[in-house]
């Protein structure tokens, strides 16, 4: 805002957002929130990013928050506009990404009765947020905005929602109202008795394995975790969402767990008697995948306690700052390595062999393994790829070598389709100095493809890779596995190149395996928005699960 004091509630809300350091507000204006949108546009420190669907705007805020650690902000009008925000808000909540959603609501003069466009938005958002409320008086604005950001940016981040009745938005701001300063977040210390109990269990264990979850990336302690693993010679597996918290170049890195079948890394958990779980959330994947008999000793380190799960019965629960907890545990353990029998090189070699086989194949349509290998070749270590939900997520999560945290973004809390394209816009605004690539199946692409226009208009260099198989590939895969056949999963597609160009973007169609890498590199390196459509041979899906079903590994 200008140096003048806010004169309306809409301007007061914007002053509060400025105090929170908000840089972007993603959304769509409607009749009932136009004063708030106007106030954002008049701010000297914020930019309003006009989306083409409220869902896409919420995903932009979701990924922006995940990468920056600061709440992404999205806004919409009342009723249908607010409801359209719901999916992206729920995605942020289940992925523990900080997000604040603000929508209009009908005026106080009719909020209590059935009237045009009235929906109980507060009740609708409450199950998918950490906090949801409605501003009923101008005097409450500074405290309620502060409460929303406190909830979203707490030790376990998530989503918060604030409804603004249209008549309240237009009311004069109280003369003495001013934004409240952000509160310093303290780092919680681990309980000494929990650290001592963990030390005793780890020293008594014969086969320890470390599981790293998304909390490690969120708290920025990937380097500390890697040093801890090296010091105690611990093999490390990550969840899909924690890819990169231990570099795949690290000899102790096993890869990811969470695939729908018993994958290479699962054999390491079969042998383990003790799991040191750091930053893991139950929503990332079911612990029955790594503890099917519920017989392993589990030491849990995270900022919060998980829900009850028979396969995740914690022997020790260390609820504290992850970095401080690792520091205290290392001090208690001393320098002697812990016991483990896992042969990490055996598992790493099998993952690498699968990737190398794909890299060497010139088959067309391309093998998924070839596509993954060439994506890795085209991107730098710190560039960001967003892998959408579907069969594509399985291949990218399993095989894409990742060397830094938050450089391979996957939604595994809600496993939401179509987050990657709008999310890539949020990712670029969060990290403008890096290349950002949205990798999507053709099914998810068309769900939010209208946001190409947003990127073109806002001069965001959005890059999109569409894996084309003319079907909902993951569902076809699961139908074939469980039912022996599939139906109602095949569809037609537009001419993707012409479709991209109709928005003013560049479009490329891959017609051979040899074309793919140079075409992708060209798209990534040229200015503007670019889309590459690449046919993929998903017959590899069943081949993979058949192979894993017959696999035995001696470690």
Protein backbone atom coordinates (compact mmCIF):
# COMPACT_ATOMS: atom_id res chain seq x y z
CA UNK A 1 0.00 0.00 0.00
CA UNK A 2 0.94 3.64 -0.10
CA UNK A 3 2.19 5.45 2.97
CA UNK A 4 -1.43 6.47 3.73
CA UNK A 5 -3.34 4.59 6.44
CA UNK A 6 -5.86 2.06 5.15
CA UNK A 7 -9.34 3.55 4.79
CA UNK A 8 -11.32 0.34 4.17
CA UNK A 9 -11.28 -3.20 5.48
CA UNK A 10 -10.02 -4.38 2.09
CA UNK A 11 -7.05 -2.04 2.36
CA UNK A 12 -6.47 -3.08 5.97
CA UNK A 13 -6.32 -6.74 4.92
CA UNK A 14 -3.75 -5.84 2.28
CA UNK A 15 -1.69 -3.92 4.86
CA UNK A 16 -1.70 -7.07 7.00
CA UNK A 17 -0.56 -9.17 4.02
CA UNK A 18 2.25 -6.70 3.40
CA UNK A 19 3.32 -7.03 7.03
CA UNK A 20 3.51 -10.81 6.48
CA UNK A 21 5.87 -10.28 3.54
CA UNK A 22 3.40 -11.55 0.94
CA UNK A 23 4.71 -10.98 -2.60
CA UNK A 24 1.99 -12.61 -4.72
CA UNK A 25 -1.74 -13.14 -4.41
CA UNK A 26 -3.10 -15.74 -6.82
CA UNK A 27 -6.75 -15.72 -7.75
CA UNK A 28 -9.76 -14.52 -9.68
CA UNK A 29 -11.88 -11.46 -8.90
CA UNK A 30 -15.64 -11.64 -8.47
CA UNK A 31 -18.35 -9.15 -7.67
CA UNK A 32 -17.92 -9.65 -3.95
CA UNK A 33 -14.11 -9.41 -3.64
CA UNK A 34 -13.31 -6.67 -6.15
CA UNK A 35 -12.33 -4.21 -3.43
CA UNK A 36 -9.75 -6.64 -2.04
CA UNK A 37 -8.38 -7.35 -5.52
CA UNK A 38 -8.16 -3.61 -6.21
CA UNK A 39 -6.34 -3.05 -2.92
CA UNK A 40 -3.82 -5.79 -3.78
CA UNK A 41 -3.25 -4.22 -7.20
CA UNK A 42 -2.54 -0.86 -5.58
CA UNK A 43 0.12 -2.34 -3.27
CA UNK A 44 3.70 -1.34 -4.01
CA UNK A 45 5.10 -4.66 -2.75
CA UNK A 46 2.57 -7.25 -3.95
CA UNK A 47 1.52 -8.53 -7.34
CA UNK A 48 -1.87 -9.99 -8.18
CA UNK A 49 -1.56 -13.05 -10.45
CA UNK A 50 -4.82 -13.48 -12.31
CA UNK A 51 -5.52 -17.17 -12.88
CA UNK A 52 -7.95 -18.85 -15.25
CA UNK A 53 -9.47 -21.14 -12.63
CA UNK A 54 -9.52 -20.82 -8.86
CA UNK A 55 -8.20 -24.37 -8.53
CA UNK A 56 -5.11 -23.45 -10.53
CA UNK A 57 -4.61 -20.33 -8.42
CA UNK A 58 -4.70 -22.43 -5.25
CA UNK A 59 -2.09 -24.81 -6.68
CA UNK A 60 0.15 -21.84 -7.52
CA UNK A 61 -0.06 -20.69 -3.90
CA UNK A 62 0.40 -24.27 -2.67
CA UNK A 63 3.71 -24.82 -4.48
CA UNK A 64 4.93 -21.28 -3.82
CA UNK A 65 4.46 -21.96 -0.10
CA UNK A 66 6.11 -25.37 -0.28
CA UNK A 67 9.25 -23.93 -1.88
CA UNK A 68 9.59 -20.72 0.14
CA UNK A 69 8.29 -21.84 3.53
CA UNK A 70 6.15 -18.67 3.53
CA UNK A 71 2.40 -19.04 3.14
CA UNK A 72 1.24 -18.75 -0.44
CA UNK A 73 -1.92 -16.67 -0.70
CA UNK A 74 -4.90 -17.31 -2.97
CA UNK A 75 -8.24 -15.56 -3.24
CA UNK A 76 -11.64 -15.97 -4.83
CA UNK A 77 -15.14 -14.67 -4.70
CA UNK A 78 -17.87 -16.32 -2.65
CA UNK A 79 -19.83 -19.51 -3.41
CA UNK A 80 -18.58 -21.30 -6.54
CA UNK A 81 -15.33 -19.35 -6.66
CA UNK A 82 -14.44 -20.26 -3.10
CA UNK A 83 -15.46 -23.88 -3.65
CA UNK A 84 -13.10 -24.06 -6.62
CA UNK A 85 -10.21 -23.16 -4.29
CA UNK A 86 -10.95 -26.18 -2.14
CA UNK A 87 -8.86 -28.81 -3.95
CA UNK A 88 -5.64 -26.79 -3.93
CA UNK A 89 -6.23 -25.85 -0.30
CA UNK A 90 -6.69 -29.51 0.64
CA UNK A 91 -3.55 -30.41 -1.31
CA UNK A 92 -1.54 -27.88 0.69
CA UNK A 93 -3.01 -29.12 3.96
CA UNK A 94 -2.26 -32.80 3.31
CA UNK A 95 1.22 -32.02 1.99
CA UNK A 96 1.97 -29.72 4.98
CA UNK A 97 2.53 -26.72 2.70
CA UNK A 98 1.80 -23.25 4.15
CA UNK A 99 -1.15 -21.57 2.41
CA UNK A 100 -3.70 -18.88 3.30
CA UNK A 101 -6.92 -18.79 1.29
CA UNK A 102 -9.14 -15.70 1.44
CA UNK A 103 -12.56 -15.63 -0.15
CA UNK A 104 -15.58 -13.40 -0.17
CA UNK A 105 -18.80 -14.36 1.60
CA UNK A 106 -22.32 -12.95 1.45
CA UNK A 107 -22.98 -9.89 3.55
CA UNK A 108 -23.84 -9.96 7.25
CA UNK A 109 -27.32 -8.76 6.35
CA UNK A 110 -28.12 -12.19 4.86
CA UNK A 111 -25.43 -14.60 6.02
CA UNK A 112 -27.84 -16.10 8.55
CA UNK A 113 -30.48 -17.21 6.02
CA UNK A 114 -30.89 -19.02 2.72
CA UNK A 115 -30.10 -16.52 -0.01
CA UNK A 116 -28.35 -16.14 -3.36
CA UNK A 117 -24.96 -17.95 -3.48
CA UNK A 118 -24.91 -18.66 0.23
CA UNK A 119 -22.81 -21.66 1.23
CA UNK A 120 -21.38 -22.30 4.68
CA UNK A 121 -17.82 -21.85 3.47
CA UNK A 122 -16.27 -21.81 6.91
CA UNK A 123 -17.69 -25.27 7.65
CA UNK A 124 -16.65 -26.48 4.21
CA UNK A 125 -13.03 -25.42 4.59
CA UNK A 126 -12.59 -26.41 8.22
CA UNK A 127 -11.96 -30.16 7.55
CA UNK A 128 -9.18 -29.37 5.05
CA UNK A 129 -7.43 -26.57 6.94
CA UNK A 130 -5.71 -26.04 10.26
CA UNK A 131 -7.90 -23.01 10.96
CA UNK A 132 -10.93 -21.45 9.28
CA UNK A 133 -13.02 -18.45 10.31
CA UNK A 134 -15.10 -15.51 9.10
CA UNK A 135 -14.35 -11.82 9.71
CA UNK A 136 -17.49 -10.40 11.31
CA UNK A 137 -16.19 -6.98 12.35
CA UNK A 138 -13.48 -4.62 11.01
CA UNK A 139 -11.74 -4.49 14.39
CA UNK A 140 -10.91 -8.20 14.11
CA UNK A 141 -8.94 -7.98 10.85
CA UNK A 142 -5.36 -7.63 12.19
CA UNK A 143 -5.76 -10.41 14.74
CA UNK A 144 -7.52 -12.79 12.36
CA UNK A 145 -5.03 -12.34 9.52
CA UNK A 146 -2.22 -12.90 12.01
CA UNK A 147 -4.01 -16.03 13.27
CA UNK A 148 -4.35 -17.38 9.71
CA UNK A 149 -0.62 -16.99 9.02
CA UNK A 150 0.32 -18.38 12.43
CA UNK A 151 -1.73 -21.49 11.69
CA UNK A 152 -0.38 -21.90 8.15
CA UNK A 153 3.27 -21.38 9.12
CA UNK A 154 3.35 -23.33 12.37
CA UNK A 155 5.78 -26.17 13.16
CA UNK A 156 3.55 -28.41 11.07
CA UNK A 157 2.54 -26.09 8.23
CA UNK A 158 -0.75 -26.37 6.42
CA UNK A 159 -3.66 -24.37 5.08
CA UNK A 160 -5.77 -21.66 6.69
CA UNK A 161 -8.95 -20.03 5.40
CA UNK A 162 -10.52 -16.64 5.98
CA UNK A 163 -13.97 -15.58 4.73
CA UNK A 164 -14.70 -11.87 4.24
CA UNK A 165 -18.38 -10.89 3.97
CA UNK A 166 -18.87 -8.44 1.12
CA UNK A 167 -20.28 -5.67 3.30
CA UNK A 168 -17.46 -6.06 5.84
CA UNK A 169 -14.90 -5.76 3.02
CA UNK A 170 -16.31 -2.33 2.14
CA UNK A 171 -16.57 -1.02 5.71
CA UNK A 172 -14.24 1.74 6.92
CA UNK A 173 -11.11 0.53 8.66
CA UNK A 174 -10.95 1.49 12.35
CA UNK A 175 -8.77 4.53 12.81
CA UNK A 176 -6.49 2.75 15.27
CA UNK A 177 -6.27 -0.57 13.37
CA UNK A 178 -2.85 -1.60 12.18
CA UNK A 179 -1.18 -4.88 11.17
CA UNK A 180 0.27 -7.01 13.92
CA UNK A 181 3.95 -7.91 13.58
CA UNK A 182 4.80 -11.52 12.80
CA UNK A 183 5.79 -13.53 15.84
CA UNK A 184 9.13 -15.27 16.07
CA UNK A 185 8.76 -19.04 15.84
CA UNK A 186 10.70 -20.86 18.53
CA UNK A 187 12.54 -24.12 17.90
CA UNK A 188 11.27 -26.80 20.26
CA UNK A 189 13.90 -28.78 22.15
CA UNK A 190 13.80 -32.60 22.35
CA UNK A 191 13.10 -34.19 25.72
CA UNK A 192 16.37 -35.55 27.20
CA UNK A 193 14.68 -38.77 28.37
CA UNK A 194 13.40 -39.43 24.81
CA UNK A 195 16.90 -38.89 23.41
CA UNK A 196 18.37 -41.29 25.96
CA UNK A 197 15.75 -43.92 25.17
CA UNK A 198 16.47 -43.57 21.46
CA UNK A 199 20.20 -43.92 22.12
CA UNK A 200 19.70 -47.16 24.02
CA UNK A 201 17.48 -48.66 21.32
CA UNK A 202 19.82 -47.66 18.49
CA UNK A 203 22.87 -49.06 20.28
CA UNK A 204 21.04 -52.34 20.96
CA UNK A 205 19.79 -52.68 17.36
CA UNK A 206 21.46 -55.02 14.88
CA UNK A 207 20.05 -53.71 11.60
CA UNK A 208 19.16 -50.00 11.58
CA UNK A 209 17.73 -48.15 8.58
CA UNK A 210 16.88 -44.45 8.30
CA UNK A 211 13.62 -43.27 6.72
CA UNK A 212 13.58 -39.59 5.72
CA UNK A 213 10.29 -37.79 5.12
CA UNK A 214 9.22 -34.42 3.79
CA UNK A 215 9.74 -32.71 7.15
CA UNK A 216 13.50 -32.88 6.53
CA UNK A 217 13.13 -30.74 3.41
CA UNK A 218 10.60 -28.45 5.05
CA UNK A 219 12.89 -27.67 7.99
CA UNK A 220 15.96 -27.24 5.80
CA UNK A 221 18.04 -29.91 7.55
CA UNK A 222 18.93 -32.13 4.58
CA UNK A 223 22.65 -31.46 5.00
CA UNK A 224 22.50 -32.23 8.71
CA UNK A 225 20.64 -35.48 8.05
CA UNK A 226 23.22 -36.53 5.45
CA UNK A 227 26.05 -35.90 7.89
CA UNK A 228 24.21 -37.90 10.55
CA UNK A 229 23.78 -40.83 8.14
CA UNK A 230 27.47 -40.72 7.18
CA UNK A 231 28.62 -40.52 10.79
CA UNK A 232 26.66 -43.63 11.77
CA UNK A 233 26.90 -45.47 8.43
CA UNK A 234 23.12 -45.58 8.05
CA UNK A 235 21.43 -46.50 4.75
CA UNK A 236 18.74 -43.92 3.94
CA UNK A 237 15.50 -44.32 2.05
CA UNK A 238 13.22 -41.35 1.43
CA UNK A 239 9.54 -40.92 0.77
CA UNK A 240 8.43 -39.67 -2.64
CA UNK A 241 8.04 -36.15 -1.26
CA UNK A 242 11.45 -36.17 0.40
CA UNK A 243 13.40 -37.00 -2.76
CA UNK A 244 16.74 -35.24 -2.70
CA UNK A 245 17.09 -34.69 1.05
CA UNK A 246 19.93 -37.17 0.72
CA UNK A 247 21.54 -36.85 -2.70
CA UNK A 248 21.21 -39.86 -4.96
CA UNK A 249 24.98 -39.52 -5.46
CA UNK A 250 25.45 -40.39 -1.79
CA UNK A 251 26.56 -44.05 -1.42
CA UNK A 252 24.20 -44.50 1.55
CA UNK A 253 21.15 -43.40 -0.44
CA UNK A 254 18.80 -46.29 -1.22
CA UNK A 255 16.13 -44.43 -3.19
CA UNK A 256 12.43 -44.04 -2.42
CA UNK A 257 9.76 -46.13 -0.74
CA UNK A 258 6.03 -45.84 -1.40
CA UNK A 259 5.59 -47.67 -4.71
CA UNK A 260 2.51 -49.88 -4.95
CA UNK A 261 4.58 -53.05 -5.15
CA UNK A 262 7.56 -54.43 -3.21
CA UNK A 263 10.33 -52.39 -4.82
CA UNK A 264 14.12 -52.72 -4.51
CA UNK A 265 14.33 -50.47 -1.44
CA UNK A 266 11.64 -52.49 0.36
CA UNK A 267 14.06 -55.39 0.75
CA UNK A 268 16.27 -53.21 2.94
CA UNK A 269 13.33 -52.63 5.29
CA UNK A 270 12.59 -56.36 5.30
CA UNK A 271 15.99 -56.93 6.88
CA UNK A 272 15.85 -54.03 9.34
CA UNK A 273 14.93 -54.50 12.97
CA UNK A 274 14.92 -50.77 13.77
CA UNK A 275 13.67 -47.80 11.73
CA UNK A 276 14.90 -44.32 12.60
CA UNK A 277 12.14 -42.22 11.07
CA UNK A 278 12.96 -38.54 10.55
CA UNK A 279 10.43 -36.02 9.27
CA UNK A 280 8.02 -38.69 8.03
CA UNK A 281 4.24 -38.18 7.97
CA UNK A 282 1.74 -41.02 7.67
CA UNK A 283 0.07 -39.25 4.75
CA UNK A 284 3.19 -39.70 2.63
CA UNK A 285 2.56 -43.46 2.34
CA UNK A 286 1.21 -46.30 4.45
CA UNK A 287 3.79 -47.66 6.94
CA UNK A 288 2.48 -51.15 6.25
CA UNK A 289 4.71 -51.03 3.16
CA UNK A 290 7.85 -51.01 5.30
CA UNK A 291 6.59 -52.74 8.46
CA UNK A 292 4.01 -55.28 7.24
CA UNK A 293 4.26 -57.48 10.34
CA UNK A 294 4.27 -54.52 12.75
CA UNK A 295 7.33 -55.99 14.46
CA UNK A 296 10.02 -53.35 13.96
CA UNK A 297 11.28 -50.88 16.53
CA UNK A 298 10.37 -47.38 15.37
CA UNK A 299 12.03 -44.20 16.61
CA UNK A 300 10.06 -41.18 15.38
CA UNK A 301 11.58 -37.70 15.06
CA UNK A 302 9.32 -34.90 13.84
CA UNK A 303 7.73 -31.69 15.06
CA UNK A 304 4.45 -33.49 15.76
CA UNK A 305 3.17 -36.92 16.71
CA UNK A 306 1.52 -38.95 13.95
CA UNK A 307 -1.91 -40.53 14.15
CA UNK A 308 -2.22 -44.03 15.55
CA UNK A 309 -1.29 -46.79 13.09
CA UNK A 310 -0.74 -50.43 13.97
CA UNK A 311 2.24 -50.58 11.59
CA UNK A 312 3.80 -47.44 13.06
CA UNK A 313 3.78 -48.17 16.78
CA UNK A 314 6.53 -45.89 18.06
CA UNK A 315 8.96 -47.11 20.67
CA UNK A 316 10.19 -43.52 21.06
CA UNK A 317 8.41 -40.35 19.97
CA UNK A 318 10.69 -37.30 19.76
CA UNK A 319 8.44 -34.31 19.04
CA UNK A 320 10.78 -31.39 18.53
CA UNK A 321 12.73 -29.41 15.98
CA UNK A 322 14.32 -31.99 13.68
CA UNK A 323 17.71 -30.31 13.50
CA UNK A 324 17.97 -29.93 17.27
CA UNK A 325 16.83 -33.52 17.72
CA UNK A 326 19.51 -34.90 15.38
CA UNK A 327 22.11 -32.77 17.13
CA UNK A 328 21.08 -34.06 20.57
CA UNK A 329 20.91 -37.66 19.36
CA UNK A 330 24.38 -37.44 17.81
CA UNK A 331 25.78 -36.04 21.02
CA UNK A 332 24.23 -38.93 22.96
CA UNK A 333 25.42 -41.60 20.51
CA UNK A 334 29.04 -40.50 20.25
CA UNK A 335 31.12 -41.37 17.20
CA UNK A 336 30.84 -45.14 16.86
CA UNK A 337 28.79 -46.21 13.79
CA UNK A 338 25.53 -48.05 14.32
CA UNK A 339 24.94 -51.62 13.22
CA UNK A 340 23.45 -52.31 9.80
CA UNK A 341 23.69 -55.19 7.34
CA UNK A 342 22.10 -53.54 4.31
CA UNK A 343 24.16 -53.68 1.13
CA UNK A 344 23.23 -50.29 -0.31
CA UNK A 345 25.32 -50.77 -3.44
CA UNK A 346 23.25 -53.81 -4.45
CA UNK A 347 20.02 -51.81 -4.41
CA UNK A 348 21.60 -48.74 -5.99
CA UNK A 349 23.00 -50.87 -8.82
CA UNK A 350 19.56 -52.30 -9.58
CA UNK A 351 17.96 -48.85 -9.78
CA UNK A 352 20.79 -47.60 -11.97
CA UNK A 353 20.58 -50.64 -14.26
CA UNK A 354 16.88 -49.98 -14.86
CA UNK A 355 17.61 -46.36 -15.72
CA UNK A 356 20.54 -47.29 -17.96
CA UNK A 357 18.43 -49.81 -19.87
CA UNK A 358 15.93 -47.07 -20.66
CA UNK A 359 18.64 -44.58 -21.58
CA UNK A 360 20.02 -47.02 -24.16
CA UNK A 361 16.63 -47.72 -25.77
CA UNK A 362 15.60 -46.00 -28.99
CA UNK A 363 12.17 -47.61 -28.98
CA UNK A 364 9.23 -45.42 -30.05
CA UNK A 365 6.94 -44.58 -28.34
CA UNK A 366 9.59 -43.94 -25.73
CA UNK A 367 10.08 -46.18 -22.72
CA UNK A 368 9.27 -44.34 -19.47
CA UNK A 369 12.82 -45.11 -18.30
CA UNK A 370 14.22 -43.29 -21.36
CA UNK A 371 12.06 -40.25 -20.69
CA UNK A 372 13.18 -40.09 -17.06
CA UNK A 373 16.86 -40.43 -18.01
CA UNK A 374 16.62 -37.66 -20.60
CA UNK A 375 14.78 -35.31 -18.24
CA UNK A 376 17.65 -35.73 -15.79
CA UNK A 377 20.14 -35.02 -18.57
CA UNK A 378 18.31 -31.83 -19.54
CA UNK A 379 18.09 -30.28 -16.07
CA UNK A 380 20.73 -28.94 -13.69
CA UNK A 381 21.02 -30.26 -10.15
CA UNK A 382 19.08 -27.34 -8.67
CA UNK A 383 16.42 -27.08 -11.37
CA UNK A 384 12.89 -28.04 -10.34
CA UNK A 385 10.66 -30.70 -11.83
CA UNK A 386 7.05 -31.18 -10.74
CA UNK A 387 5.89 -34.76 -11.32
CA UNK A 388 2.12 -34.94 -11.57
CA UNK A 389 -0.02 -37.76 -10.22
CA UNK A 390 -0.53 -40.91 -12.28
CA UNK A 391 1.75 -43.53 -13.78
CA UNK A 392 4.17 -40.70 -14.45
CA UNK A 393 4.60 -40.16 -10.70
CA UNK A 394 5.60 -43.79 -10.19
CA UNK A 395 8.31 -43.66 -12.83
CA UNK A 396 9.65 -40.27 -11.79
CA UNK A 397 9.60 -41.05 -8.07
CA UNK A 398 11.34 -44.39 -8.50
CA UNK A 399 13.97 -43.49 -11.07
CA UNK A 400 14.59 -39.74 -11.35
CA UNK A 401 17.99 -39.08 -9.73
CA UNK A 402 17.56 -36.17 -7.34
CA UNK A 403 20.46 -34.33 -5.75
CA UNK A 404 18.90 -31.52 -3.73
CA UNK A 405 15.74 -31.24 -1.61
CA UNK A 406 12.63 -29.72 -3.17
CA UNK A 407 13.87 -30.20 -6.73
CA UNK A 408 11.50 -33.06 -7.55
CA UNK A 409 8.06 -32.05 -6.30
CA UNK A 410 5.39 -34.71 -5.86
CA UNK A 411 1.99 -34.52 -4.19
CA UNK A 412 1.69 -37.64 -2.07
CA UNK A 413 -0.45 -36.39 0.77
CA UNK A 414 -3.54 -35.98 -1.38
CA UNK A 415 -1.95 -37.30 -4.62
CA UNK A 416 -3.76 -34.63 -6.59
CA UNK A 417 -3.93 -34.75 -10.37
CA UNK A 418 -3.23 -31.56 -12.35
CA UNK A 419 -1.27 -29.67 -9.68
CA UNK A 420 1.96 -29.59 -11.70
CA UNK A 421 1.12 -27.09 -14.46
CA UNK A 422 -0.22 -24.28 -12.26
CA UNK A 423 2.20 -25.34 -9.54
CA UNK A 424 5.09 -24.71 -11.93
CA UNK A 425 3.96 -21.08 -12.22
CA UNK A 426 4.15 -20.76 -8.44
CA UNK A 427 7.52 -22.55 -8.47
CA UNK A 428 9.00 -20.13 -10.98
CA UNK A 429 7.81 -17.11 -9.00
CA UNK A 430 9.35 -18.66 -5.87
CA UNK A 431 12.63 -19.56 -7.62
CA UNK A 432 12.98 -17.32 -10.70
CA UNK A 433 16.66 -18.13 -11.19
CA UNK A 434 16.04 -21.84 -11.87
CA UNK A 435 14.51 -23.82 -14.70
CA UNK A 436 11.13 -25.32 -13.79
CA UNK A 437 9.52 -28.21 -15.67
CA UNK A 438 5.96 -29.52 -15.21
CA UNK A 439 5.88 -33.23 -16.13
CA UNK A 440 2.34 -34.46 -16.67
CA UNK A 441 0.28 -37.20 -18.20
CA UNK A 442 -2.17 -36.26 -20.91
CA UNK A 443 -5.04 -36.96 -18.51
CA UNK A 444 -3.92 -34.46 -15.89
CA UNK A 445 -2.67 -31.90 -18.43
CA UNK A 446 -6.11 -31.04 -19.80
CA UNK A 447 -7.55 -30.56 -16.30
CA UNK A 448 -5.67 -27.27 -15.79
CA UNK A 449 -4.15 -26.52 -19.20
CA UNK A 450 -5.93 -23.15 -19.33
CA UNK A 451 -3.21 -21.79 -17.03
CA UNK A 452 -0.89 -21.73 -20.05
CA UNK A 453 -2.61 -18.45 -20.85
CA UNK A 454 -1.78 -17.17 -17.35
CA UNK A 455 1.91 -17.96 -17.88
CA UNK A 456 1.98 -16.32 -21.32
CA UNK A 457 0.24 -13.18 -20.04
CA UNK A 458 2.37 -12.92 -16.90
CA UNK A 459 5.63 -13.64 -18.79
CA UNK A 460 6.35 -16.73 -16.69
CA UNK A 461 8.64 -19.11 -18.66
CA UNK A 462 6.47 -22.16 -18.03
CA UNK A 463 7.83 -25.43 -19.48
CA UNK A 464 5.54 -28.45 -19.82
CA UNK A 465 6.30 -32.03 -20.81
CA UNK A 466 3.23 -34.14 -21.58
CA UNK A 467 3.58 -37.92 -21.56
CA UNK A 468 1.04 -39.06 -24.15
CA UNK A 469 -0.67 -42.45 -23.93
CA UNK A 470 -4.32 -41.48 -24.58
CA UNK A 471 -5.51 -42.96 -21.31
CA UNK A 472 -5.59 -42.58 -17.55
CA UNK A 473 -2.44 -44.68 -17.41
CA UNK A 474 -2.19 -45.40 -13.69
CA UNK A 475 -5.81 -46.53 -13.46
CA UNK A 476 -5.37 -48.73 -16.53
CA UNK A 477 -2.28 -50.19 -14.86
CA UNK A 478 -4.14 -50.97 -11.64
CA UNK A 479 -7.17 -52.35 -13.46
CA UNK A 480 -4.94 -54.69 -15.43
CA UNK A 481 -3.20 -55.78 -12.23
CA UNK A 482 -6.31 -56.35 -10.16
CA UNK A 483 -8.98 -57.17 -12.74
CA UNK A 484 -6.96 -58.61 -15.62
CA UNK A 485 -8.38 -56.05 -18.06
CA UNK A 486 -9.38 -52.40 -18.21
CA UNK A 487 -12.26 -50.22 -19.38
CA UNK A 488 -13.42 -46.59 -19.30
CA UNK A 489 -9.86 -45.26 -19.16
CA UNK A 490 -9.07 -44.48 -22.82
CA UNK A 491 -9.72 -41.12 -24.44
CA UNK A 492 -8.77 -38.92 -27.38
CA UNK A 493 -6.49 -35.89 -27.33
CA UNK A 494 -6.17 -32.60 -29.18
CA UNK A 495 -3.21 -31.70 -31.32
CA UNK A 496 -1.00 -30.63 -28.41
CA UNK A 497 1.33 -28.55 -30.57
CA UNK A 498 -1.52 -26.59 -32.12
CA UNK A 499 -3.16 -26.29 -28.71
CA UNK A 500 -0.03 -24.76 -27.15
CA UNK A 501 0.47 -22.41 -30.08
CA UNK A 502 -3.14 -21.22 -29.83
CA UNK A 503 -2.19 -19.68 -26.45
CA UNK A 504 0.89 -18.01 -27.92
CA UNK A 505 3.24 -20.70 -26.55
CA UNK A 506 5.74 -22.87 -28.39
CA UNK A 507 4.75 -26.46 -29.11
CA UNK A 508 6.83 -29.51 -30.06
CA UNK A 509 5.83 -33.05 -31.00
CA UNK A 510 8.35 -35.85 -30.38
CA UNK A 511 8.40 -38.33 -33.26
CA UNK A 512 11.44 -40.45 -32.36
CA UNK A 513 13.46 -41.32 -29.27
CA UNK A 514 16.48 -39.52 -30.71
CA UNK A 515 14.47 -36.29 -31.03
CA UNK A 516 13.36 -36.12 -27.44
CA UNK A 517 16.39 -34.84 -25.51
CA UNK A 518 17.40 -32.07 -27.95
CA UNK A 519 13.76 -31.02 -28.27
CA UNK A 520 13.36 -30.86 -24.49
CA UNK A 521 16.62 -28.92 -24.13
CA UNK A 522 15.46 -26.43 -26.74
CA UNK A 523 12.16 -25.92 -24.94
CA UNK A 524 13.90 -25.43 -21.58
CA UNK A 525 16.44 -22.96 -22.91
CA UNK A 526 14.25 -20.75 -25.09
CA UNK A 527 12.32 -17.76 -23.74
CA UNK A 528 8.60 -17.90 -23.15
CA UNK A 529 6.22 -20.79 -22.57
CA UNK A 530 6.95 -24.13 -24.22
CA UNK A 531 5.21 -27.50 -24.38
CA UNK A 532 6.68 -30.83 -25.51
CA UNK A 533 4.35 -33.75 -26.26
CA UNK A 534 6.06 -37.14 -26.03
CA UNK A 535 4.39 -40.50 -26.74
CA UNK A 536 5.21 -43.04 -23.99
CA UNK A 537 4.98 -46.83 -24.08
CA UNK A 538 3.14 -47.76 -20.90
CA UNK A 539 3.32 -51.46 -21.66
CA UNK A 540 6.36 -51.10 -19.39
CA UNK A 541 4.00 -50.67 -16.42
CA UNK A 542 2.90 -54.28 -16.25
CA UNK A 543 6.39 -55.50 -17.14
CA UNK A 544 7.69 -53.62 -14.09
CA UNK A 545 5.15 -54.96 -11.60
CA UNK A 546 5.52 -58.47 -12.99
CA UNK A 547 9.30 -58.23 -12.52
CA UNK A 548 9.00 -56.86 -8.99
CA UNK A 549 6.47 -59.54 -8.12
CA UNK A 550 9.05 -62.21 -8.96
CA UNK A 551 12.01 -60.37 -7.47
CA UNK A 552 14.15 -61.69 -4.65
CA UNK A 553 17.25 -59.86 -3.46
CA UNK A 554 20.00 -61.17 -1.25
CA UNK A 555 21.47 -58.29 0.76
